[in-house]
Amino acid sequence: MKSYSLKSLGNKNDYMTILKETDDGYVIKIVRDLDGYEDVKTDFLSRELFESCIRTGYLTEITETLLPETVKIAVNA
């Protein structure tokens, strides 16, 4: 599963993970940090919209070791 950071205002750690690829697009999980509260949603993203987000820089691929949940575990250990 690939993960992407979402371009946002301020110092937020919002990201999305591709859960499943279909012929028409992707089933994704979006995690947004809302002042310490995580808002998690599952949604569908068309291939055209995904490619547009990559081209414009709204989505940037990240490695799984840099996901916020991994960092939190490492800090709390």
N, C-alpha and C. Protein backbone atom coordinates (compact mmCIF):
# COMPACT_ATOMS: atom_id res chain seq x y z
N MET A 1 0.84 -1.18 0.00
CA MET A 1 0.00 0.00 0.00
C MET A 1 0.88 1.24 0.00
N LYS A 2 0.62 2.13 -0.92
CA LYS A 2 1.35 3.39 -0.98
C LYS A 2 0.61 4.44 -0.17
N SER A 3 1.39 5.34 0.42
CA SER A 3 0.81 6.43 1.19
C SER A 3 1.32 7.76 0.64
N TYR A 4 0.48 8.79 0.80
CA TYR A 4 0.77 10.12 0.26
C TYR A 4 0.43 11.17 1.30
N SER A 5 1.30 12.17 1.45
CA SER A 5 0.96 13.29 2.32
C SER A 5 0.06 14.24 1.54
N LEU A 6 -0.87 14.87 2.25
CA LEU A 6 -1.78 15.83 1.64
C LEU A 6 -1.27 17.23 1.91
N LYS A 7 -1.22 18.04 0.88
CA LYS A 7 -0.79 19.42 1.04
C LYS A 7 -1.86 20.14 1.85
N SER A 8 -1.44 20.80 2.92
CA SER A 8 -2.41 21.51 3.76
C SER A 8 -1.75 22.74 4.35
N LEU A 9 -2.56 23.61 4.90
CA LEU A 9 -2.05 24.81 5.54
C LEU A 9 -1.52 24.48 6.92
N GLY A 10 -0.46 25.16 7.32
CA GLY A 10 0.09 24.96 8.65
C GLY A 10 0.94 23.71 8.73
N ASN A 11 1.19 23.28 9.95
CA ASN A 11 2.06 22.13 10.20
C ASN A 11 1.21 20.91 10.54
N LYS A 12 0.50 20.39 9.55
CA LYS A 12 -0.38 19.25 9.78
C LYS A 12 0.24 18.00 9.18
N ASN A 13 -0.15 16.85 9.69
CA ASN A 13 0.35 15.57 9.21
C ASN A 13 -0.77 14.77 8.55
N ASP A 14 -1.53 15.40 7.68
CA ASP A 14 -2.62 14.71 6.98
C ASP A 14 -2.05 13.82 5.89
N TYR A 15 -2.61 12.63 5.76
CA TYR A 15 -2.12 11.71 4.74
C TYR A 15 -3.23 10.77 4.28
N MET A 16 -2.98 10.11 3.15
CA MET A 16 -3.92 9.11 2.64
C MET A 16 -3.15 7.86 2.26
N THR A 17 -3.80 6.74 2.35
CA THR A 17 -3.23 5.45 1.99
C THR A 17 -4.15 4.78 0.99
N ILE A 18 -3.58 4.23 -0.06
CA ILE A 18 -4.37 3.48 -1.04
C ILE A 18 -4.64 2.09 -0.47
N LEU A 19 -5.91 1.75 -0.31
CA LEU A 19 -6.30 0.45 0.23
C LEU A 19 -6.51 -0.58 -0.86
N LYS A 20 -7.06 -0.12 -2.00
CA LYS A 20 -7.39 -1.04 -3.09
C LYS A 20 -7.41 -0.29 -4.41
N GLU A 21 -6.92 -0.93 -5.46
CA GLU A 21 -6.96 -0.34 -6.80
C GLU A 21 -8.04 -1.04 -7.60
N THR A 22 -8.87 -0.24 -8.30
CA THR A 22 -9.90 -0.79 -9.18
C THR A 22 -9.65 -0.29 -10.60
N ASP A 23 -10.46 -0.72 -11.54
CA ASP A 23 -10.32 -0.25 -12.92
C ASP A 23 -10.58 1.25 -13.04
N ASP A 24 -11.45 1.78 -12.20
CA ASP A 24 -11.83 3.19 -12.28
C ASP A 24 -11.03 4.11 -11.39
N GLY A 25 -10.35 3.57 -10.38
CA GLY A 25 -9.61 4.43 -9.45
C GLY A 25 -9.13 3.68 -8.24
N TYR A 26 -9.22 4.34 -7.09
CA TYR A 26 -8.64 3.80 -5.86
C TYR A 26 -9.58 3.96 -4.68
N VAL A 27 -9.61 2.96 -3.82
CA VAL A 27 -10.26 3.07 -2.53
C VAL A 27 -9.17 3.54 -1.58
N ILE A 28 -9.42 4.66 -0.89
CA ILE A 28 -8.38 5.28 -0.07
C ILE A 28 -8.86 5.49 1.36
N LYS A 29 -7.90 5.58 2.27
CA LYS A 29 -8.16 5.96 3.66
C LYS A 29 -7.47 7.30 3.87
N ILE A 30 -8.22 8.30 4.32
CA ILE A 30 -7.68 9.63 4.58
C ILE A 30 -7.65 9.84 6.09
N VAL A 31 -6.49 10.24 6.60
CA VAL A 31 -6.34 10.52 8.02
C VAL A 31 -5.94 11.99 8.17
N ARG A 32 -6.76 12.75 8.87
CA ARG A 32 -6.49 14.17 9.10
C ARG A 32 -6.30 14.41 10.59
N ASP A 33 -5.30 15.21 10.92
CA ASP A 33 -5.02 15.58 12.31
C ASP A 33 -5.77 16.87 12.62
N LEU A 34 -6.75 16.77 13.51
CA LEU A 34 -7.56 17.93 13.90
C LEU A 34 -7.27 18.26 15.36
N ASP A 35 -6.17 18.97 15.59
CA ASP A 35 -5.75 19.36 16.94
C ASP A 35 -5.66 18.16 17.89
N GLY A 36 -4.97 17.13 17.46
CA GLY A 36 -4.77 15.95 18.29
C GLY A 36 -5.81 14.86 18.09
N TYR A 37 -6.90 15.17 17.44
CA TYR A 37 -7.95 14.20 17.16
C TYR A 37 -7.79 13.76 15.71
N GLU A 38 -7.76 12.46 15.46
CA GLU A 38 -7.61 11.95 14.10
C GLU A 38 -8.98 11.68 13.49
N ASP A 39 -9.23 12.31 12.35
CA ASP A 39 -10.45 12.09 11.58
C ASP A 39 -10.08 11.12 10.46
N VAL A 40 -10.65 9.91 10.49
CA VAL A 40 -10.33 8.86 9.52
C VAL A 40 -11.55 8.61 8.64
N LYS A 41 -11.34 8.68 7.31
CA LYS A 41 -12.43 8.43 6.37
C LYS A 41 -11.95 7.48 5.28
N THR A 42 -12.85 6.66 4.79
CA THR A 42 -12.58 5.80 3.64
C THR A 42 -13.42 6.34 2.49
N ASP A 43 -12.79 6.47 1.31
CA ASP A 43 -13.47 7.08 0.18
C ASP A 43 -12.94 6.48 -1.12
N PHE A 44 -13.50 6.94 -2.24
CA PHE A 44 -13.06 6.52 -3.56
C PHE A 44 -12.48 7.72 -4.28
N LEU A 45 -11.37 7.52 -5.00
CA LEU A 45 -10.70 8.57 -5.76
C LEU A 45 -10.50 8.08 -7.18
N SER A 46 -11.05 8.80 -8.16
CA SER A 46 -10.92 8.38 -9.56
C SER A 46 -9.46 8.49 -10.00
N ARG A 47 -9.08 7.73 -11.01
CA ARG A 47 -7.71 7.78 -11.54
C ARG A 47 -7.37 9.18 -12.03
N GLU A 48 -8.32 9.83 -12.72
CA GLU A 48 -8.08 11.16 -13.27
C GLU A 48 -7.79 12.17 -12.16
N LEU A 49 -8.58 12.13 -11.09
CA LEU A 49 -8.38 13.06 -9.98
C LEU A 49 -7.06 12.75 -9.26
N PHE A 50 -6.75 11.48 -9.07
CA PHE A 50 -5.51 11.09 -8.43
C PHE A 50 -4.31 11.61 -9.22
N GLU A 51 -4.31 11.40 -10.53
CA GLU A 51 -3.20 11.85 -11.37
C GLU A 51 -3.09 13.37 -11.36
N SER A 52 -4.20 14.07 -11.32
CA SER A 52 -4.19 15.53 -11.24
C SER A 52 -3.59 16.00 -9.92
N CYS A 53 -3.94 15.33 -8.83
CA CYS A 53 -3.40 15.69 -7.51
C CYS A 53 -1.89 15.46 -7.44
N ILE A 54 -1.40 14.42 -8.08
CA ILE A 54 0.05 14.15 -8.13
C ILE A 54 0.74 15.25 -8.94
N ARG A 55 0.19 15.57 -10.11
CA ARG A 55 0.79 16.59 -10.99
C ARG A 55 0.86 17.95 -10.32
N THR A 56 -0.17 18.33 -9.58
CA THR A 56 -0.22 19.66 -8.98
C THR A 56 0.50 19.74 -7.64
N GLY A 57 0.94 18.60 -7.12
CA GLY A 57 1.66 18.61 -5.84
C GLY A 57 0.76 18.53 -4.62
N TYR A 58 -0.54 18.35 -4.82
CA TYR A 58 -1.44 18.21 -3.67
C TYR A 58 -1.14 16.91 -2.92
N LEU A 59 -0.74 15.86 -3.65
CA LEU A 59 -0.34 14.59 -3.06
C LEU A 59 1.15 14.36 -3.32
N THR A 60 1.87 13.95 -2.27
CA THR A 60 3.29 13.62 -2.40
C THR A 60 3.51 12.25 -1.76
N GLU A 61 4.11 11.33 -2.51
CA GLU A 61 4.32 9.98 -1.99
C GLU A 61 5.27 10.00 -0.80
N ILE A 62 4.94 9.21 0.22
CA ILE A 62 5.79 9.07 1.40
C ILE A 62 6.03 7.60 1.67
N THR A 63 7.05 7.30 2.45
CA THR A 63 7.30 5.92 2.83
C THR A 63 6.51 5.60 4.08
N GLU A 64 6.18 4.35 4.28
CA GLU A 64 5.37 3.96 5.43
C GLU A 64 6.08 4.20 6.75
N THR A 65 7.39 4.21 6.75
CA THR A 65 8.12 4.45 8.00
C THR A 65 7.96 5.88 8.48
N LEU A 66 7.48 6.79 7.61
CA LEU A 66 7.30 8.18 7.99
C LEU A 66 5.86 8.53 8.34
N LEU A 67 4.97 7.56 8.34
CA LEU A 67 3.58 7.83 8.69
C LEU A 67 3.49 8.26 10.15
N PRO A 68 2.61 9.21 10.48
CA PRO A 68 2.49 9.71 11.84
C PRO A 68 2.27 8.62 12.89
N GLU A 69 1.49 7.58 12.57
CA GLU A 69 1.23 6.54 13.57
C GLU A 69 2.50 5.78 13.91
N THR A 70 3.39 5.61 12.93
CA THR A 70 4.67 4.94 13.17
C THR A 70 5.55 5.81 14.03
N VAL A 71 5.55 7.11 13.77
CA VAL A 71 6.36 8.03 14.55
C VAL A 71 5.89 8.08 15.98
N LYS A 72 4.56 8.09 16.20
CA LYS A 72 4.03 8.13 17.56
C LYS A 72 4.45 6.89 18.34
N ILE A 73 4.43 5.72 17.70
CA ILE A 73 4.82 4.50 18.38
C ILE A 73 6.28 4.58 18.79
N ALA A 74 7.12 5.08 17.90
CA ALA A 74 8.56 5.17 18.17
C ALA A 74 8.82 6.16 19.31
N VAL A 75 8.10 7.26 19.36
CA VAL A 75 8.29 8.27 20.40
C VAL A 75 7.82 7.74 21.75
N ASN A 76 6.72 6.98 21.76
CA ASN A 76 6.16 6.48 23.01
C ASN A 76 6.91 5.26 23.55
N ALA A 77 7.75 4.63 22.75
CA ALA A 77 8.44 3.40 23.16
C ALA A 77 9.47 3.68 24.23
